[in-house]
N, C-alpha and C. Protein backbone atom coordinates (compact mmCIF):
# COMPACT_ATOMS: atom_id res chain seq x y z
N MET A 1 0.85 -1.18 0.00
CA MET A 1 0.00 0.00 0.00
C MET A 1 0.89 1.23 0.00
N LYS A 2 0.57 2.18 -0.83
CA LYS A 2 1.34 3.42 -0.89
C LYS A 2 0.70 4.45 0.04
N VAL A 3 1.56 5.07 0.86
CA VAL A 3 1.11 6.10 1.79
C VAL A 3 2.02 7.31 1.68
N ILE A 4 1.49 8.44 2.13
CA ILE A 4 2.25 9.70 2.17
C ILE A 4 2.45 10.04 3.63
N LEU A 5 3.71 10.22 4.05
CA LEU A 5 4.01 10.49 5.45
C LEU A 5 3.63 11.91 5.83
N ARG A 6 2.95 12.04 6.97
CA ARG A 6 2.59 13.35 7.52
C ARG A 6 3.61 13.81 8.54
N LYS A 7 4.34 12.85 9.12
CA LYS A 7 5.33 13.16 10.15
C LYS A 7 6.61 12.42 9.81
N ASN A 8 7.72 12.90 10.34
CA ASN A 8 8.98 12.19 10.17
C ASN A 8 8.89 10.87 10.93
N TYR A 9 9.27 9.80 10.28
CA TYR A 9 9.25 8.48 10.89
C TYR A 9 10.60 7.85 10.66
N THR A 10 11.25 7.40 11.71
CA THR A 10 12.65 7.01 11.68
C THR A 10 13.00 6.04 10.55
N ASN A 11 12.31 4.95 10.42
CA ASN A 11 12.72 3.95 9.45
C ASN A 11 12.02 4.07 8.10
N LEU A 12 11.09 5.01 7.97
CA LEU A 12 10.37 5.16 6.71
C LEU A 12 10.81 6.35 5.89
N GLY A 13 10.85 7.52 6.49
CA GLY A 13 11.23 8.71 5.74
C GLY A 13 10.77 9.98 6.43
N LYS A 14 10.74 11.06 5.64
CA LYS A 14 10.39 12.39 6.16
C LYS A 14 9.01 12.79 5.69
N VAL A 15 8.56 13.93 6.18
CA VAL A 15 7.25 14.46 5.82
C VAL A 15 7.15 14.62 4.31
N GLY A 16 6.06 14.11 3.74
CA GLY A 16 5.82 14.27 2.31
C GLY A 16 6.36 13.15 1.45
N ASP A 17 7.11 12.23 2.02
CA ASP A 17 7.64 11.12 1.22
C ASP A 17 6.53 10.14 0.87
N LEU A 18 6.56 9.64 -0.33
CA LEU A 18 5.64 8.61 -0.77
C LEU A 18 6.34 7.27 -0.58
N VAL A 19 5.82 6.45 0.35
CA VAL A 19 6.47 5.19 0.68
C VAL A 19 5.50 4.04 0.48
N ASP A 20 6.07 2.87 0.24
CA ASP A 20 5.29 1.66 0.05
C ASP A 20 5.48 0.80 1.30
N VAL A 21 4.38 0.54 2.02
CA VAL A 21 4.43 -0.26 3.24
C VAL A 21 3.43 -1.41 3.14
N LYS A 22 3.54 -2.34 4.05
CA LYS A 22 2.59 -3.45 4.08
C LYS A 22 1.22 -2.93 4.48
N ASP A 23 0.18 -3.58 3.95
CA ASP A 23 -1.20 -3.14 4.19
C ASP A 23 -1.54 -3.09 5.68
N GLY A 24 -1.18 -4.12 6.43
CA GLY A 24 -1.52 -4.18 7.85
C GLY A 24 -0.86 -3.08 8.64
N PHE A 25 0.40 -2.78 8.33
CA PHE A 25 1.13 -1.71 9.03
C PHE A 25 0.46 -0.37 8.76
N ALA A 26 0.04 -0.16 7.52
CA ALA A 26 -0.63 1.10 7.18
C ALA A 26 -1.98 1.21 7.86
N ARG A 27 -2.82 0.16 7.73
CA ARG A 27 -4.18 0.21 8.27
C ARG A 27 -4.23 0.20 9.79
N ASN A 28 -3.32 -0.52 10.44
CA ASN A 28 -3.39 -0.68 11.89
C ASN A 28 -2.55 0.31 12.67
N TYR A 29 -1.56 0.92 12.03
CA TYR A 29 -0.69 1.82 12.79
C TYR A 29 -0.60 3.21 12.16
N LEU A 30 -0.13 3.30 10.94
CA LEU A 30 0.16 4.60 10.34
C LEU A 30 -1.08 5.46 10.15
N LEU A 31 -2.14 4.89 9.61
CA LEU A 31 -3.36 5.67 9.35
C LEU A 31 -4.10 6.06 10.64
N PRO A 32 -4.34 5.15 11.59
CA PRO A 32 -5.03 5.56 12.82
C PRO A 32 -4.27 6.58 13.66
N LYS A 33 -2.94 6.50 13.67
CA LYS A 33 -2.15 7.44 14.46
C LYS A 33 -1.84 8.71 13.68
N GLN A 34 -2.37 8.82 12.48
CA GLN A 34 -2.21 9.97 11.60
C GLN A 34 -0.75 10.29 11.32
N VAL A 35 0.04 9.23 11.18
CA VAL A 35 1.43 9.38 10.77
C VAL A 35 1.49 9.46 9.25
N ALA A 36 0.47 8.88 8.58
CA ALA A 36 0.47 8.86 7.12
C ALA A 36 -0.96 8.93 6.59
N TYR A 37 -1.06 9.31 5.32
CA TYR A 37 -2.31 9.30 4.56
C TYR A 37 -2.21 8.24 3.48
N ALA A 38 -3.36 7.76 3.06
CA ALA A 38 -3.37 6.90 1.88
C ALA A 38 -3.02 7.80 0.69
N ALA A 39 -2.30 7.27 -0.28
CA ALA A 39 -1.80 8.08 -1.40
C ALA A 39 -2.89 8.26 -2.44
N THR A 40 -3.72 9.30 -2.25
CA THR A 40 -4.72 9.68 -3.24
C THR A 40 -4.45 11.12 -3.66
N LYS A 41 -5.06 11.54 -4.77
CA LYS A 41 -4.81 12.91 -5.24
C LYS A 41 -5.28 13.95 -4.22
N GLY A 42 -6.42 13.71 -3.60
CA GLY A 42 -6.94 14.65 -2.60
C GLY A 42 -6.01 14.76 -1.42
N ASN A 43 -5.48 13.65 -0.96
CA ASN A 43 -4.57 13.66 0.18
C ASN A 43 -3.23 14.31 -0.15
N ILE A 44 -2.81 14.19 -1.39
CA ILE A 44 -1.57 14.86 -1.81
C ILE A 44 -1.74 16.37 -1.70
N ASN A 45 -2.90 16.90 -2.09
CA ASN A 45 -3.17 18.33 -1.97
C ASN A 45 -3.21 18.77 -0.51
N VAL A 46 -3.85 17.96 0.34
CA VAL A 46 -3.90 18.27 1.77
C VAL A 46 -2.50 18.31 2.35
N LEU A 47 -1.67 17.37 1.96
CA LEU A 47 -0.31 17.30 2.47
C LEU A 47 0.52 18.52 2.06
N GLU A 48 0.31 19.00 0.86
CA GLU A 48 1.03 20.20 0.41
C GLU A 48 0.70 21.38 1.32
N GLU A 49 -0.57 21.53 1.70
CA GLU A 49 -0.95 22.61 2.61
C GLU A 49 -0.31 22.41 3.99
N GLU A 50 -0.31 21.17 4.47
CA GLU A 50 0.32 20.89 5.76
C GLU A 50 1.81 21.19 5.73
N LYS A 51 2.47 20.89 4.62
CA LYS A 51 3.90 21.18 4.49
C LYS A 51 4.16 22.68 4.63
N LYS A 52 3.31 23.49 4.02
CA LYS A 52 3.46 24.94 4.11
C LYS A 52 3.31 25.40 5.57
N GLN A 53 2.31 24.87 6.26
CA GLN A 53 2.09 25.24 7.65
C GLN A 53 3.25 24.79 8.54
N ILE A 54 3.73 23.59 8.30
CA ILE A 54 4.85 23.06 9.09
C ILE A 54 6.10 23.90 8.85
N ALA A 55 6.33 24.30 7.61
CA ALA A 55 7.50 25.12 7.29
C ALA A 55 7.43 26.47 8.01
N LYS A 56 6.23 27.06 8.07
CA LYS A 56 6.08 28.35 8.75
C LYS A 56 6.35 28.21 10.25
N THR A 57 5.75 27.20 10.88
CA THR A 57 5.95 27.04 12.31
C THR A 57 7.39 26.65 12.63
N GLU A 58 8.01 25.86 11.77
CA GLU A 58 9.41 25.47 11.97
C GLU A 58 10.32 26.69 11.88
N ALA A 59 10.03 27.58 10.94
CA ALA A 59 10.84 28.79 10.79
C ALA A 59 10.71 29.68 12.03
N LYS A 60 9.49 29.81 12.56
CA LYS A 60 9.29 30.62 13.76
C LYS A 60 10.03 30.00 14.95
N PHE A 61 9.93 28.68 15.07
CA PHE A 61 10.59 27.99 16.18
C PHE A 61 12.11 28.12 16.08
N LEU A 62 12.64 28.03 14.86
CA LEU A 62 14.08 28.16 14.65
C LEU A 62 14.55 29.57 15.00
N GLU A 63 13.79 30.56 14.60
CA GLU A 63 14.15 31.95 14.91
C GLU A 63 14.13 32.20 16.42
N LYS A 64 13.12 31.65 17.09
CA LYS A 64 13.03 31.79 18.55
C LYS A 64 14.21 31.08 19.23
N ALA A 65 14.58 29.92 18.72
CA ALA A 65 15.70 29.18 19.30
C ALA A 65 17.01 29.93 19.10
N LYS A 66 17.19 30.56 17.95
CA LYS A 66 18.42 31.32 17.71
C LYS A 66 18.52 32.52 18.64
N SER A 67 17.41 33.22 18.85
CA SER A 67 17.45 34.38 19.74
C SER A 67 17.70 33.94 21.19
N MET A 68 17.10 32.81 21.59
CA MET A 68 17.34 32.32 22.94
C MET A 68 18.78 31.85 23.10
N ALA A 69 19.36 31.30 22.05
CA ALA A 69 20.75 30.85 22.10
C ALA A 69 21.70 32.02 22.32
N THR A 70 21.45 33.15 21.67
CA THR A 70 22.32 34.32 21.87
C THR A 70 22.19 34.83 23.30
N GLU A 71 20.99 34.76 23.88
CA GLU A 71 20.81 35.18 25.26
C GLU A 71 21.55 34.22 26.21
N LEU A 72 21.44 32.93 25.95
CA LEU A 72 22.06 31.95 26.84
C LEU A 72 23.58 31.96 26.74
N GLN A 73 24.12 32.32 25.57
CA GLN A 73 25.58 32.38 25.41
C GLN A 73 26.19 33.41 26.37
N LYS A 74 25.45 34.48 26.65
CA LYS A 74 25.94 35.54 27.53
C LYS A 74 25.79 35.18 29.00
N LEU A 75 25.01 34.16 29.28
CA LEU A 75 24.64 33.80 30.64
C LEU A 75 25.69 32.91 31.30
N SER A 76 25.90 33.11 32.59
CA SER A 76 26.69 32.16 33.37
C SER A 76 25.91 31.87 34.65
N ILE A 77 25.92 30.61 35.05
CA ILE A 77 25.18 30.21 36.23
C ILE A 77 26.14 29.64 37.27
N THR A 78 25.70 29.69 38.53
CA THR A 78 26.51 29.19 39.63
C THR A 78 25.76 28.06 40.31
N ILE A 79 26.43 26.94 40.48
CA ILE A 79 25.84 25.79 41.15
C ILE A 79 26.61 25.55 42.45
N PRO A 80 25.98 25.84 43.61
CA PRO A 80 26.66 25.55 44.88
C PRO A 80 26.49 24.07 45.23
N VAL A 81 27.58 23.42 45.60
CA VAL A 81 27.55 21.99 45.94
C VAL A 81 28.29 21.76 47.25
N LYS A 82 27.93 20.67 47.91
CA LYS A 82 28.64 20.27 49.13
C LYS A 82 29.90 19.54 48.71
N VAL A 83 31.00 19.86 49.40
CA VAL A 83 32.27 19.21 49.08
C VAL A 83 32.87 18.62 50.34
N GLY A 84 33.68 17.62 50.12
CA GLY A 84 34.38 16.97 51.23
C GLY A 84 35.83 17.39 51.25
N GLU A 85 36.67 16.50 51.74
CA GLU A 85 38.10 16.78 51.78
C GLU A 85 38.64 16.88 50.37
N GLU A 86 39.66 17.69 50.21
CA GLU A 86 40.33 17.91 48.92
C GLU A 86 39.37 18.40 47.84
N ASP A 87 38.32 19.11 48.23
CA ASP A 87 37.34 19.71 47.32
C ASP A 87 36.69 18.70 46.37
N LYS A 88 36.41 17.52 46.87
CA LYS A 88 35.69 16.52 46.08
C LYS A 88 34.19 16.71 46.30
N VAL A 89 33.45 16.76 45.22
CA VAL A 89 32.01 16.97 45.28
C VAL A 89 31.32 15.66 45.69
N PHE A 90 30.34 15.79 46.59
CA PHE A 90 29.52 14.62 46.93
C PHE A 90 28.55 14.38 45.78
N GLY A 91 28.68 13.27 45.08
CA GLY A 91 27.85 13.00 43.91
C GLY A 91 28.41 13.74 42.71
N SER A 92 27.52 14.27 41.89
CA SER A 92 27.95 15.07 40.75
C SER A 92 26.87 16.09 40.42
N VAL A 93 27.22 17.05 39.61
CA VAL A 93 26.27 18.07 39.18
C VAL A 93 25.42 17.45 38.07
N THR A 94 24.11 17.51 38.23
CA THR A 94 23.19 16.89 37.28
C THR A 94 22.55 17.94 36.38
N SER A 95 21.94 17.46 35.33
CA SER A 95 21.24 18.37 34.42
C SER A 95 20.03 19.00 35.12
N GLN A 96 19.45 18.30 36.09
CA GLN A 96 18.34 18.87 36.85
C GLN A 96 18.79 20.07 37.66
N MET A 97 19.99 20.00 38.25
CA MET A 97 20.52 21.14 39.02
C MET A 97 20.72 22.34 38.11
N ILE A 98 21.21 22.10 36.91
CA ILE A 98 21.44 23.18 35.96
C ILE A 98 20.11 23.76 35.49
N ALA A 99 19.12 22.89 35.25
CA ALA A 99 17.79 23.36 34.85
C ALA A 99 17.16 24.22 35.93
N ASP A 100 17.34 23.83 37.20
CA ASP A 100 16.81 24.62 38.31
C ASP A 100 17.49 25.98 38.39
N ALA A 101 18.81 26.01 38.17
CA ALA A 101 19.53 27.29 38.20
C ALA A 101 19.08 28.19 37.04
N LEU A 102 18.80 27.60 35.90
CA LEU A 102 18.30 28.39 34.77
C LEU A 102 16.89 28.89 35.04
N LYS A 103 16.09 28.09 35.73
CA LYS A 103 14.72 28.50 36.05
C LYS A 103 14.72 29.70 36.98
N GLU A 104 15.72 29.78 37.88
CA GLU A 104 15.84 30.93 38.77
C GLU A 104 16.12 32.21 37.98
N LYS A 105 16.74 32.05 36.81
CA LYS A 105 17.04 33.20 35.96
C LYS A 105 15.99 33.38 34.87
N ASN A 106 14.81 32.76 35.06
CA ASN A 106 13.66 32.88 34.17
C ASN A 106 13.85 32.25 32.80
N TYR A 107 14.59 31.17 32.72
CA TYR A 107 14.73 30.38 31.50
C TYR A 107 14.18 28.99 31.80
N ASP A 108 13.05 28.66 31.21
CA ASP A 108 12.43 27.37 31.46
C ASP A 108 12.90 26.38 30.40
N ILE A 109 13.94 25.61 30.74
CA ILE A 109 14.53 24.65 29.81
C ILE A 109 14.43 23.26 30.42
N ASP A 110 13.98 22.32 29.62
CA ASP A 110 13.81 20.94 30.07
C ASP A 110 15.18 20.32 30.34
N LYS A 111 15.27 19.54 31.40
CA LYS A 111 16.55 18.94 31.78
C LYS A 111 17.07 17.97 30.73
N ARG A 112 16.19 17.41 29.90
CA ARG A 112 16.62 16.47 28.86
C ARG A 112 17.32 17.18 27.71
N LYS A 113 17.17 18.50 27.63
CA LYS A 113 17.84 19.25 26.57
C LYS A 113 19.22 19.74 27.00
N ILE A 114 19.56 19.51 28.25
CA ILE A 114 20.87 19.93 28.78
C ILE A 114 21.83 18.76 28.64
N ILE A 115 22.93 18.99 27.94
CA ILE A 115 23.90 17.93 27.67
C ILE A 115 25.18 18.22 28.43
N ILE A 116 25.50 17.32 29.34
CA ILE A 116 26.75 17.42 30.11
C ILE A 116 27.68 16.36 29.55
N GLY A 117 28.84 16.79 29.01
CA GLY A 117 29.76 15.83 28.41
C GLY A 117 30.24 14.78 29.38
N ASP A 118 31.16 15.12 30.22
CA ASP A 118 31.66 14.23 31.26
C ASP A 118 30.99 14.62 32.57
N PRO A 119 30.79 13.68 33.48
CA PRO A 119 30.19 14.04 34.76
C PRO A 119 31.01 15.11 35.49
N ILE A 120 30.31 16.07 36.06
CA ILE A 120 30.97 17.16 36.78
C ILE A 120 31.09 16.73 38.24
N LYS A 121 32.33 16.40 38.66
CA LYS A 121 32.55 15.89 40.00
C LYS A 121 33.58 16.68 40.79
N SER A 122 33.92 17.89 40.30
CA SER A 122 34.86 18.71 41.04
C SER A 122 34.50 20.18 40.84
N LEU A 123 35.06 21.02 41.69
CA LEU A 123 34.81 22.46 41.58
C LEU A 123 35.49 23.01 40.35
N GLY A 124 34.93 24.07 39.79
CA GLY A 124 35.55 24.70 38.63
C GLY A 124 34.53 25.32 37.70
N ILE A 125 35.01 25.65 36.51
CA ILE A 125 34.18 26.28 35.48
C ILE A 125 34.02 25.27 34.35
N TYR A 126 32.78 25.06 33.93
CA TYR A 126 32.48 24.08 32.89
C TYR A 126 31.59 24.71 31.82
N ASP A 127 31.73 24.21 30.59
CA ASP A 127 30.83 24.59 29.51
C ASP A 127 29.79 23.50 29.34
N VAL A 128 28.52 23.88 29.46
CA VAL A 128 27.41 22.94 29.34
C VAL A 128 26.61 23.30 28.10
N THR A 129 26.28 22.31 27.28
CA THR A 129 25.55 22.54 26.05
C THR A 129 24.06 22.36 26.28
N VAL A 130 23.27 23.28 25.71
CA VAL A 130 21.82 23.19 25.75
C VAL A 130 21.33 23.06 24.32
N LYS A 131 20.60 21.99 24.03
CA LYS A 131 20.09 21.75 22.69
C LYS A 131 18.70 22.38 22.59
N LEU A 132 18.61 23.52 21.91
CA LEU A 132 17.36 24.24 21.79
C LEU A 132 16.55 23.81 20.58
N HIS A 133 17.24 23.37 19.55
CA HIS A 133 16.62 22.98 18.28
C HIS A 133 17.58 21.99 17.63
N HIS A 134 17.14 21.21 16.68
CA HIS A 134 18.06 20.25 16.09
C HIS A 134 19.19 20.92 15.31
N GLU A 135 19.07 22.21 15.06
CA GLU A 135 20.12 22.97 14.39
C GLU A 135 20.83 23.95 15.31
N VAL A 136 20.26 24.23 16.48
CA VAL A 136 20.76 25.30 17.36
C VAL A 136 21.13 24.74 18.72
N ASN A 137 22.38 24.98 19.12
CA ASN A 137 22.86 24.64 20.45
C ASN A 137 23.43 25.90 21.09
N ALA A 138 23.29 25.99 22.40
CA ALA A 138 23.88 27.11 23.15
C ALA A 138 24.81 26.54 24.20
N VAL A 139 25.89 27.25 24.48
CA VAL A 139 26.84 26.83 25.50
C VAL A 139 26.75 27.79 26.67
N ILE A 140 26.53 27.23 27.85
CA ILE A 140 26.38 28.04 29.07
C ILE A 140 27.59 27.82 29.95
N LYS A 141 28.14 28.90 30.43
CA LYS A 141 29.26 28.85 31.37
C LYS A 141 28.70 28.50 32.75
N THR A 142 29.16 27.39 33.32
CA THR A 142 28.64 26.91 34.61
C THR A 142 29.76 26.92 35.63
N TRP A 143 29.53 27.62 36.72
CA TRP A 143 30.50 27.70 37.81
C TRP A 143 30.04 26.75 38.91
N VAL A 144 30.88 25.80 39.26
CA VAL A 144 30.59 24.89 40.36
C VAL A 144 31.43 25.36 41.54
N VAL A 145 30.71 25.82 42.60
CA VAL A 145 31.40 26.41 43.75
C VAL A 145 31.01 25.70 45.03
N ARG A 146 31.80 25.93 46.06
CA ARG A 146 31.57 25.34 47.38
C ARG A 146 30.32 25.99 48.00
N GLU A 147 29.51 25.16 48.61
CA GLU A 147 28.26 25.65 49.24
C GLU A 147 28.56 26.38 50.53
């Protein structure tokens, strides 16, 4: 059965692709979940309109992410932690701690979008990446200090 994808699907393709799938997969999964349309002329026209709308919203979201990235690049946050002997941190600094520090500065960023390369287990200055969009990342200067 030929279907037209409405959403990006990992193993099938991107929005607007015309793909050939098994009938059961299309009828039982793709069509009910509105991941795809049956490939008819009417549905092709509907998909073209949806592509235009998706492109507009994607452009707005990308622009918003770029402006937020420039704001976050200028930002530095401080994370106070408990330390033991020889300035060893108890545990490590987590993405949740960084998200909470950003929330205090009025930036509501999900902890899953915060990428910490290596675990932060000592005092110092670290660069933490925030993934705002699949094309836009921001780097935040993070100071880990003694509580």
